[in-house]
Amino acid sequence: MNTLDYDLSKKTSVINELGIHARPAAMIAKLAMKAQSDVWLCKNGDRVDASSIIDILSIACLKGADVTLQIENPEDINILNKIINLFEKGFEELA
């Protein structure tokens, strides 16, 4: 059994009014591309590549949507935390 010190997935919610549109998707993808391994964005059973703006937009994350971010490599925990921080700050779109 392999025990990790890190949780490789974190749940969050979309709090900004416009949901995940092109600008927030680009912010997520930019961070995900810096990861050593794949980063996934999951919503309602769908899992998409978080480094792809088109994939992110394809799962239509509206305000209030619950999502999970997953990483495959524990060394990418800082990337995961930075993406979660974007969600928690409403992608800096909160009025």
C-alpha atoms as a PDB file:
ATOM      1  CA  MET A   1       0.000   0.000   0.000  1.00  0.00           C
ATOM      2  CA  ASN A   2       1.372   3.370  -1.051  1.00  0.00           C
ATOM      3  CA  THR A   3       0.684   6.147   1.442  1.00  0.00           C
ATOM      4  CA  LEU A   4       1.092   9.730   0.271  1.00  0.00           C
ATOM      5  CA  ASP A   5       1.444  12.816   2.390  1.00  0.00           C
ATOM      6  CA  TYR A   6      -0.622  14.721  -0.153  1.00  0.00           C
ATOM      7  CA  ASP A   7      -4.228  14.528  -1.240  1.00  0.00           C
ATOM      8  CA  LEU A   8      -4.057  14.367  -5.034  1.00  0.00           C
ATOM      9  CA  SER A   9      -7.530  15.835  -5.477  1.00  0.00           C
ATOM     10  CA  LYS A  10      -9.397  18.791  -4.039  1.00  0.00           C
ATOM     11  CA  LYS A  11     -13.021  19.837  -4.305  1.00  0.00           C
ATOM     12  CA  THR A  12     -14.149  23.411  -4.804  1.00  0.00           C
ATOM     13  CA  SER A  13     -17.052  25.415  -6.201  1.00  0.00           C
ATOM     14  CA  VAL A  14     -17.385  28.036  -8.895  1.00  0.00           C
ATOM     15  CA  ILE A  15     -18.262  31.296  -7.136  1.00  0.00           C
ATOM     16  CA  ASN A  16     -17.859  33.936  -9.830  1.00  0.00           C
ATOM     17  CA  GLU A  17     -21.055  35.167 -11.525  1.00  0.00           C
ATOM     18  CA  LEU A  18     -20.084  34.227 -15.077  1.00  0.00           C
ATOM     19  CA  GLY A  19     -18.782  30.779 -14.233  1.00  0.00           C
ATOM     20  CA  ILE A  20     -15.805  29.350 -16.084  1.00  0.00           C
ATOM     21  CA  HIS A  21     -15.700  31.245 -19.357  1.00  0.00           C
ATOM     22  CA  ALA A  22     -12.680  31.787 -21.629  1.00  0.00           C
ATOM     23  CA  ARG A  23     -10.575  33.966 -19.306  1.00  0.00           C
ATOM     24  CA  PRO A  24     -10.814  31.732 -16.212  1.00  0.00           C
ATOM     25  CA  ALA A  25     -10.330  28.644 -18.417  1.00  0.00           C
ATOM     26  CA  ALA A  26      -7.129  30.200 -19.775  1.00  0.00           C
ATOM     27  CA  MET A  27      -5.933  30.929 -16.230  1.00  0.00           C
ATOM     28  CA  ILE A  28      -6.506  27.309 -15.215  1.00  0.00           C
ATOM     29  CA  ALA A  29      -4.870  25.941 -18.364  1.00  0.00           C
ATOM     30  CA  LYS A  30      -1.818  28.184 -17.970  1.00  0.00           C
ATOM     31  CA  LEU A  31      -1.153  26.793 -14.495  1.00  0.00           C
ATOM     32  CA  ALA A  32      -1.966  23.195 -15.477  1.00  0.00           C
ATOM     33  CA  MET A  33       0.567  23.343 -18.323  1.00  0.00           C
ATOM     34  CA  LYS A  34       3.313  23.968 -15.748  1.00  0.00           C
ATOM     35  CA  ALA A  35       2.621  20.629 -14.044  1.00  0.00           C
ATOM     36  CA  GLN A  36       4.954  17.686 -14.520  1.00  0.00           C
ATOM     37  CA  SER A  37       2.015  15.302 -15.045  1.00  0.00           C
ATOM     38  CA  ASP A  38      -1.623  15.574 -16.035  1.00  0.00           C
ATOM     39  CA  VAL A  39      -4.037  17.823 -14.185  1.00  0.00           C
ATOM     40  CA  TRP A  40      -7.737  16.997 -14.466  1.00  0.00           C
ATOM     41  CA  LEU A  41     -10.891  19.037 -13.898  1.00  0.00           C
ATOM     42  CA  CYS A  42     -13.896  16.898 -12.966  1.00  0.00           C
ATOM     43  CA  LYS A  43     -17.577  17.780 -12.826  1.00  0.00           C
ATOM     44  CA  ASN A  44     -20.570  15.444 -12.557  1.00  0.00           C
ATOM     45  CA  GLY A  45     -18.610  12.395 -13.705  1.00  0.00           C
ATOM     46  CA  ASP A  46     -16.892  14.177 -16.603  1.00  0.00           C
ATOM     47  CA  ARG A  47     -13.108  14.487 -16.444  1.00  0.00           C
ATOM     48  CA  VAL A  48     -11.242  16.838 -18.765  1.00  0.00           C
ATOM     49  CA  ASP A  49      -7.656  17.902 -19.305  1.00  0.00           C
ATOM     50  CA  ALA A  50      -7.155  21.082 -17.254  1.00  0.00           C
ATOM     51  CA  SER A  51      -4.402  22.236 -19.609  1.00  0.00           C
ATOM     52  CA  SER A  52      -6.924  22.547 -22.469  1.00  0.00           C
ATOM     53  CA  ILE A  53      -9.117  25.648 -22.583  1.00  0.00           C
ATOM     54  CA  ILE A  54     -11.547  23.917 -24.961  1.00  0.00           C
ATOM     55  CA  ASP A  55     -11.831  20.868 -22.696  1.00  0.00           C
ATOM     56  CA  ILE A  56     -12.497  23.085 -19.670  1.00  0.00           C
ATOM     57  CA  LEU A  57     -15.195  25.033 -21.510  1.00  0.00           C
ATOM     58  CA  SER A  58     -16.794  21.793 -22.739  1.00  0.00           C
ATOM     59  CA  ILE A  59     -18.018  20.836 -19.250  1.00  0.00           C
ATOM     60  CA  ALA A  60     -19.866  24.146 -18.730  1.00  0.00           C
ATOM     61  CA  CYS A  61     -18.996  25.120 -15.169  1.00  0.00           C
ATOM     62  CA  LEU A  62     -21.610  27.691 -14.197  1.00  0.00           C
ATOM     63  CA  LYS A  63     -21.775  29.595 -10.929  1.00  0.00           C
ATOM     64  CA  GLY A  64     -22.455  27.163  -8.101  1.00  0.00           C
ATOM     65  CA  ALA A  65     -20.989  24.143  -9.893  1.00  0.00           C
ATOM     66  CA  ASP A  66     -19.023  21.761  -7.700  1.00  0.00           C
ATOM     67  CA  VAL A  67     -15.780  20.602  -9.299  1.00  0.00           C
ATOM     68  CA  THR A  68     -12.806  18.476  -8.339  1.00  0.00           C
ATOM     69  CA  LEU A  69      -9.234  19.126  -9.413  1.00  0.00           C
ATOM     70  CA  GLN A  70      -6.949  16.096  -9.617  1.00  0.00           C
ATOM     71  CA  ILE A  71      -3.228  15.707 -10.131  1.00  0.00           C
ATOM     72  CA  GLU A  72      -1.293  12.542 -10.877  1.00  0.00           C
ATOM     73  CA  ASN A  73       2.056  13.521  -9.418  1.00  0.00           C
ATOM     74  CA  PRO A  74       2.451  14.617  -5.775  1.00  0.00           C
ATOM     75  CA  GLU A  75       5.176  17.013  -6.920  1.00  0.00           C
ATOM     76  CA  ASP A  76       2.437  19.064  -8.617  1.00  0.00           C
ATOM     77  CA  ILE A  77       0.676  19.845  -5.317  1.00  0.00           C
ATOM     78  CA  ASN A  78       1.637  23.526  -5.608  1.00  0.00           C
ATOM     79  CA  ILE A  79      -0.031  23.720  -9.026  1.00  0.00           C
ATOM     80  CA  LEU A  80      -3.173  22.119  -7.589  1.00  0.00           C
ATOM     81  CA  ASN A  81      -3.222  24.621  -4.723  1.00  0.00           C
ATOM     82  CA  LYS A  82      -2.732  27.577  -7.083  1.00  0.00           C
ATOM     83  CA  ILE A  83      -5.668  26.465  -9.247  1.00  0.00           C
ATOM     84  CA  ILE A  84      -7.858  25.978  -6.168  1.00  0.00           C
ATOM     85  CA  ASN A  85      -6.851  29.483  -5.059  1.00  0.00           C
ATOM     86  CA  LEU A  86      -8.111  30.868  -8.397  1.00  0.00           C
ATOM     87  CA  PHE A  87     -11.509  29.282  -7.746  1.00  0.00           C
ATOM     88  CA  GLU A  88     -11.603  30.570  -4.161  1.00  0.00           C
ATOM     89  CA  LYS A  89     -10.859  34.102  -5.349  1.00  0.00           C
ATOM     90  CA  GLY A  90     -13.566  33.926  -8.019  1.00  0.00           C
ATOM     91  CA  PHE A  91     -10.897  34.378 -10.680  1.00  0.00           C
ATOM     92  CA  GLU A  92     -10.677  37.968  -9.386  1.00  0.00           C
ATOM     93  CA  GLU A  93     -14.069  38.708 -10.964  1.00  0.00           C
ATOM     94  CA  LEU A  94     -16.085  39.235  -7.793  1.00  0.00           C
ATOM     95  CA  ALA A  95     -17.709  42.629  -7.463  1.00  0.00           C
END
